[in-house]
C-alpha atoms as a PDB file:
ATOM      1  CA  UNK A   1    -197.440 -44.589-174.728  1.00  0.00           C
ATOM      2  CA  UNK A   2    -193.846 -43.614-174.899  1.00  0.00           C
ATOM      3  CA  UNK A   3    -191.323 -46.120-176.154  1.00  0.00           C
ATOM      4  CA  UNK A   4    -189.045 -47.000-173.277  1.00  0.00           C
ATOM      5  CA  UNK A   5    -185.907 -49.019-173.420  1.00  0.00           C
ATOM      6  CA  UNK A   6    -186.394 -52.479-172.016  1.00  0.00           C
ATOM      7  CA  UNK A   7    -184.116 -55.379-171.465  1.00  0.00           C
ATOM      8  CA  UNK A   8    -185.245 -58.444-173.327  1.00  0.00           C
ATOM      9  CA  UNK A   9    -183.994 -61.994-173.200  1.00  0.00           C
ATOM     10  CA  UNK A  10    -184.844 -64.893-175.418  1.00  0.00           C
ATOM     11  CA  UNK A  11    -184.045 -68.521-176.001  1.00  0.00           C
ATOM     12  CA  UNK A  12    -182.695 -67.978-179.482  1.00  0.00           C
ATOM     13  CA  UNK A  13    -179.700 -70.320-178.961  1.00  0.00           C
ATOM     14  CA  UNK A  14    -181.582 -73.076-177.144  1.00  0.00           C
ATOM     15  CA  UNK A  15    -182.213 -75.469-180.050  1.00  0.00           C
ATOM     16  CA  UNK A  16    -178.669 -75.392-181.449  1.00  0.00           C
ATOM     17  CA  UNK A  17    -177.349 -75.972-177.922  1.00  0.00           C
ATOM     18  CA  UNK A  18    -179.748 -78.864-177.417  1.00  0.00           C
ATOM     19  CA  UNK A  19    -178.611 -80.484-180.681  1.00  0.00           C
ATOM     20  CA  UNK A  20    -174.940 -79.966-179.798  1.00  0.00           C
ATOM     21  CA  UNK A  21    -175.462 -81.558-176.370  1.00  0.00           C
ATOM     22  CA  UNK A  22    -177.286 -84.473-177.995  1.00  0.00           C
ATOM     23  CA  UNK A  23    -174.354 -84.978-180.392  1.00  0.00           C
ATOM     24  CA  UNK A  24    -171.916 -84.803-177.474  1.00  0.00           C
ATOM     25  CA  UNK A  25    -173.850 -87.374-175.430  1.00  0.00           C
ATOM     26  CA  UNK A  26    -174.016 -89.756-178.406  1.00  0.00           C
ATOM     27  CA  UNK A  27    -170.268 -89.370-178.960  1.00  0.00           C
ATOM     28  CA  UNK A  28    -169.573 -90.002-175.265  1.00  0.00           C
ATOM     29  CA  UNK A  29    -171.793 -93.098-175.259  1.00  0.00           C
ATOM     30  CA  UNK A  30    -170.157 -94.438-178.416  1.00  0.00           C
ATOM     31  CA  UNK A  31    -166.640 -93.974-177.041  1.00  0.00           C
ATOM     32  CA  UNK A  32    -167.611 -95.424-173.654  1.00  0.00           C
ATOM     33  CA  UNK A  33    -169.079 -98.534-175.295  1.00  0.00           C
ATOM     34  CA  UNK A  34    -165.924 -99.009-177.344  1.00  0.00           C
ATOM     35  CA  UNK A  35    -163.766 -98.712-174.214  1.00  0.00           C
ATOM     36  CA  UNK A  36    -165.974-101.210-172.361  1.00  0.00           C
ATOM     37  CA  UNK A  37    -165.723-103.718-175.229  1.00  0.00           C
ATOM     38  CA  UNK A  38    -161.927-103.320-175.354  1.00  0.00           C
ATOM     39  CA  UNK A  39    -161.721-103.766-171.574  1.00  0.00           C
ATOM     40  CA  UNK A  40    -163.742-106.980-171.733  1.00  0.00           C
ATOM     41  CA  UNK A  41    -161.455-108.371-174.446  1.00  0.00           C
ATOM     42  CA  UNK A  42    -158.386-107.406-172.391  1.00  0.00           C
ATOM     43  CA  UNK A  43    -159.830-109.300-169.412  1.00  0.00           C
ATOM     44  CA  UNK A  44    -160.463-112.406-171.520  1.00  0.00           C
ATOM     45  CA  UNK A  45    -157.062-112.491-173.204  1.00  0.00           C
ATOM     46  CA  UNK A  46    -155.224-111.511-170.018  1.00  0.00           C
ATOM     47  CA  UNK A  47    -156.853-114.334-168.067  1.00  0.00           C
ATOM     48  CA  UNK A  48    -156.149-116.818-170.851  1.00  0.00           C
ATOM     49  CA  UNK A  49    -152.478-115.812-170.853  1.00  0.00           C
ATOM     50  CA  UNK A  50    -152.199-116.206-167.075  1.00  0.00           C
ATOM     51  CA  UNK A  51    -154.237-119.409-166.695  1.00  0.00           C
ATOM     52  CA  UNK A  52    -152.347-122.705-166.596  1.00  0.00           C
ATOM     53  CA  UNK A  53    -152.881-124.801-169.690  1.00  0.00           C
ATOM     54  CA  UNK A  54    -153.395-128.521-169.131  1.00  0.00           C
ATOM     55  CA  UNK A  55    -156.459-129.678-171.049  1.00  0.00           C
ATOM     56  CA  UNK A  56    -157.698-126.377-172.449  1.00  0.00           C
ATOM     57  CA  UNK A  57    -161.000-126.688-170.607  1.00  0.00           C
ATOM     58  CA  UNK A  58    -160.239-123.696-168.384  1.00  0.00           C
ATOM     59  CA  UNK A  59    -159.084-121.623-171.369  1.00  0.00           C
ATOM     60  CA  UNK A  60    -162.276-122.285-173.287  1.00  0.00           C
ATOM     61  CA  UNK A  61    -164.299-121.437-170.166  1.00  0.00           C
ATOM     62  CA  UNK A  62    -162.855-117.915-169.897  1.00  0.00           C
ATOM     63  CA  UNK A  63    -165.545-115.895-171.646  1.00  0.00           C
ATOM     64  CA  UNK A  64    -167.127-112.475-171.827  1.00  0.00           C
ATOM     65  CA  UNK A  65    -170.619-111.504-172.914  1.00  0.00           C
ATOM     66  CA  UNK A  66    -172.577-108.326-173.543  1.00  0.00           C
ATOM     67  CA  UNK A  67    -176.100-108.435-172.104  1.00  0.00           C
ATOM     68  CA  UNK A  68    -177.775-105.223-173.341  1.00  0.00           C
ATOM     69  CA  UNK A  69    -174.848-103.022-172.336  1.00  0.00           C
ATOM     70  CA  UNK A  70    -173.915-104.995-169.219  1.00  0.00           C
ATOM     71  CA  UNK A  71    -170.570-106.662-169.850  1.00  0.00           C
ATOM     72  CA  UNK A  72    -170.026-109.943-167.999  1.00  0.00           C
ATOM     73  CA  UNK A  73    -166.646-111.638-167.593  1.00  0.00           C
ATOM     74  CA  UNK A  74    -166.508-115.164-166.169  1.00  0.00           C
ATOM     75  CA  UNK A  75    -164.353-118.256-165.950  1.00  0.00           C
ATOM     76  CA  UNK A  76    -165.480-121.826-165.421  1.00  0.00           C
ATOM     77  CA  UNK A  77    -164.123-125.299-166.017  1.00  0.00           C
ATOM     78  CA  UNK A  78    -166.273-128.356-165.526  1.00  0.00           C
ATOM     79  CA  UNK A  79    -165.648-131.883-166.740  1.00  0.00           C
ATOM     80  CA  UNK A  80    -168.604-133.920-167.879  1.00  0.00           C
ATOM     81  CA  UNK A  81    -168.933-137.142-165.923  1.00  0.00           C
ATOM     82  CA  UNK A  82    -169.778-140.486-167.492  1.00  0.00           C
ATOM     83  CA  UNK A  83    -173.367-140.123-166.292  1.00  0.00           C
ATOM     84  CA  UNK A  84    -173.677-136.870-168.269  1.00  0.00           C
ATOM     85  CA  UNK A  85    -173.721-134.560-165.259  1.00  0.00           C
ATOM     86  CA  UNK A  86    -171.195-131.791-164.805  1.00  0.00           C
ATOM     87  CA  UNK A  87    -168.535-132.147-162.130  1.00  0.00           C
ATOM     88  CA  UNK A  88    -167.345-129.415-159.801  1.00  0.00           C
ATOM     89  CA  UNK A  89    -166.172-126.157-161.337  1.00  0.00           C
ATOM     90  CA  UNK A  90    -162.429-126.183-160.746  1.00  0.00           C
ATOM     91  CA  UNK A  91    -161.692-122.606-161.916  1.00  0.00           C
ATOM     92  CA  UNK A  92    -161.905-121.290-158.307  1.00  0.00           C
ATOM     93  CA  UNK A  93    -159.524-124.062-157.183  1.00  0.00           C
ATOM     94  CA  UNK A  94    -156.992-122.865-159.773  1.00  0.00           C
ATOM     95  CA  UNK A  95    -157.425-119.211-158.768  1.00  0.00           C
ATOM     96  CA  UNK A  96    -157.278-119.712-154.989  1.00  0.00           C
ATOM     97  CA  UNK A  97    -155.576-123.094-154.599  1.00  0.00           C
ATOM     98  CA  UNK A  98    -156.661-125.843-152.208  1.00  0.00           C
ATOM     99  CA  UNK A  99    -155.587-127.022-148.775  1.00  0.00           C
ATOM    100  CA  UNK A 100    -154.276-130.553-148.234  1.00  0.00           C
ATOM    101  CA  UNK A 101    -157.241-132.866-147.725  1.00  0.00           C
ATOM    102  CA  UNK A 102    -158.394-136.471-147.924  1.00  0.00           C
ATOM    103  CA  UNK A 103    -160.146-137.813-150.997  1.00  0.00           C
ATOM    104  CA  UNK A 104    -161.516-141.137-152.062  1.00  0.00           C
ATOM    105  CA  UNK A 105    -160.602-142.641-155.389  1.00  0.00           C
ATOM    106  CA  UNK A 106    -163.342-143.338-157.886  1.00  0.00           C
ATOM    107  CA  UNK A 107    -164.687-146.840-158.237  1.00  0.00           C
ATOM    108  CA  UNK A 108    -165.928-148.377-161.504  1.00  0.00           C
ATOM    109  CA  UNK A 109    -169.493-148.065-160.255  1.00  0.00           C
ATOM    110  CA  UNK A 110    -169.074-144.285-159.853  1.00  0.00           C
ATOM    111  CA  UNK A 111    -168.326-143.811-163.524  1.00  0.00           C
ATOM    112  CA  UNK A 112    -171.273-145.865-164.672  1.00  0.00           C
ATOM    113  CA  UNK A 113    -174.268-143.974-165.953  1.00  0.00           C
ATOM    114  CA  UNK A 114    -176.461-146.591-164.284  1.00  0.00           C
ATOM    115  CA  UNK A 115    -174.898-146.340-160.825  1.00  0.00           C
ATOM    116  CA  UNK A 116    -177.351-145.718-158.053  1.00  0.00           C
ATOM    117  CA  UNK A 117    -176.598-144.213-154.674  1.00  0.00           C
ATOM    118  CA  UNK A 118    -177.206-147.629-153.091  1.00  0.00           C
ATOM    119  CA  UNK A 119    -174.609-149.403-155.212  1.00  0.00           C
ATOM    120  CA  UNK A 120    -171.849-146.845-154.861  1.00  0.00           C
ATOM    121  CA  UNK A 121    -168.827-148.144-153.089  1.00  0.00           C
ATOM    122  CA  UNK A 122    -166.314-145.964-151.374  1.00  0.00           C
ATOM    123  CA  UNK A 123    -162.926-146.088-153.029  1.00  0.00           C
ATOM    124  CA  UNK A 124    -159.599-146.084-151.293  1.00  0.00           C
ATOM    125  CA  UNK A 125    -158.937-143.006-149.155  1.00  0.00           C
ATOM    126  CA  UNK A 126    -155.787-141.025-149.950  1.00  0.00           C
ATOM    127  CA  UNK A 127    -154.166-137.741-148.934  1.00  0.00           C
ATOM    128  CA  UNK A 128    -154.370-134.996-151.571  1.00  0.00           C
ATOM    129  CA  UNK A 129    -151.413-132.620-151.139  1.00  0.00           C
ATOM    130  CA  UNK A 130    -153.434-129.551-152.060  1.00  0.00           C
ATOM    131  CA  UNK A 131    -152.690-127.175-154.900  1.00  0.00           C
ATOM    132  CA  UNK A 132    -150.912-123.843-154.948  1.00  0.00           C
ATOM    133  CA  UNK A 133    -152.961-120.900-156.194  1.00  0.00           C
ATOM    134  CA  UNK A 134    -152.335-119.840-159.769  1.00  0.00           C
ATOM    135  CA  UNK A 135    -154.206-116.528-159.973  1.00  0.00           C
ATOM    136  CA  UNK A 136    -155.425-115.701-163.456  1.00  0.00           C
ATOM    137  CA  UNK A 137    -158.894-114.136-163.111  1.00  0.00           C
ATOM    138  CA  UNK A 138    -158.491-111.195-160.713  1.00  0.00           C
ATOM    139  CA  UNK A 139    -155.040-110.102-161.952  1.00  0.00           C
ATOM    140  CA  UNK A 140    -156.507-109.886-165.478  1.00  0.00           C
ATOM    141  CA  UNK A 141    -159.490-107.888-164.163  1.00  0.00           C
ATOM    142  CA  UNK A 142    -157.248-105.477-162.230  1.00  0.00           C
ATOM    143  CA  UNK A 143    -154.936-104.912-165.197  1.00  0.00           C
ATOM    144  CA  UNK A 144    -157.797-104.321-167.654  1.00  0.00           C
ATOM    145  CA  UNK A 145    -159.633-101.937-165.298  1.00  0.00           C
ATOM    146  CA  UNK A 146    -156.458 -99.892-164.762  1.00  0.00           C
ATOM    147  CA  UNK A 147    -156.201 -99.485-168.542  1.00  0.00           C
ATOM    148  CA  UNK A 148    -159.895 -98.593-168.687  1.00  0.00           C
ATOM    149  CA  UNK A 149    -159.394 -95.779-166.183  1.00  0.00           C
ATOM    150  CA  UNK A 150    -156.547 -94.352-168.274  1.00  0.00           C
ATOM    151  CA  UNK A 151    -158.693 -94.469-171.422  1.00  0.00           C
ATOM    152  CA  UNK A 152    -161.644 -92.769-169.714  1.00  0.00           C
ATOM    153  CA  UNK A 153    -159.400 -89.909-168.560  1.00  0.00           C
ATOM    154  CA  UNK A 154    -159.306 -88.592-172.129  1.00  0.00           C
ATOM    155  CA  UNK A 155    -162.760 -89.559-173.394  1.00  0.00           C
ATOM    156  CA  UNK A 156    -164.555 -86.337-172.362  1.00  0.00           C
ATOM    157  CA  UNK A 157    -161.988 -84.049-173.955  1.00  0.00           C
ATOM    158  CA  UNK A 158    -161.774 -86.153-177.135  1.00  0.00           C
ATOM    159  CA  UNK A 159    -165.571 -86.306-177.451  1.00  0.00           C
ATOM    160  CA  UNK A 160    -165.863 -82.565-176.919  1.00  0.00           C
ATOM    161  CA  UNK A 161    -163.296 -81.868-179.637  1.00  0.00           C
ATOM    162  CA  UNK A 162    -165.018 -84.285-182.021  1.00  0.00           C
ATOM    163  CA  UNK A 163    -168.359 -82.487-181.591  1.00  0.00           C
ATOM    164  CA  UNK A 164    -167.028 -78.918-181.597  1.00  0.00           C
ATOM    165  CA  UNK A 165    -167.151 -78.125-177.878  1.00  0.00           C
ATOM    166  CA  UNK A 166    -164.245 -76.294-176.325  1.00  0.00           C
ATOM    167  CA  UNK A 167    -163.135 -77.798-173.028  1.00  0.00           C
ATOM    168  CA  UNK A 168    -160.648 -75.120-171.988  1.00  0.00           C
END
């Protein structure tokens, strides 16, 4: 049989490419995680700077947590009543404000840990003037996410350079 010229192709460069892509994906994931952690911290500190400071309960309730790569940012502020139960979370009232409304003042029986529903007396009714909103949560989120977008603009190019890929 006569030797004829044939075109041949192989996967000689496959394994080095696979390793390079693996390195690139690890670099991207590492940089993305760092950006996410920085963004969460910016949300926390931004909200704490914007939140009004009366008792410090709201400030200590502005927290962020990492649940297996899912970053959660939240704000809460609840006073503990005399009976040990938590009162209403007033963080949303600070963020959005309240309308004028009627309230009843607390009576001594209300603050007792032994008060029953039968013994509760209604206190004197008075007009609450409402509260102006003092936004702290969503402005901090918006500011931090805008910074996050700017940081992510460069992450692909920086990761590619760090792992030896040319992007242009």
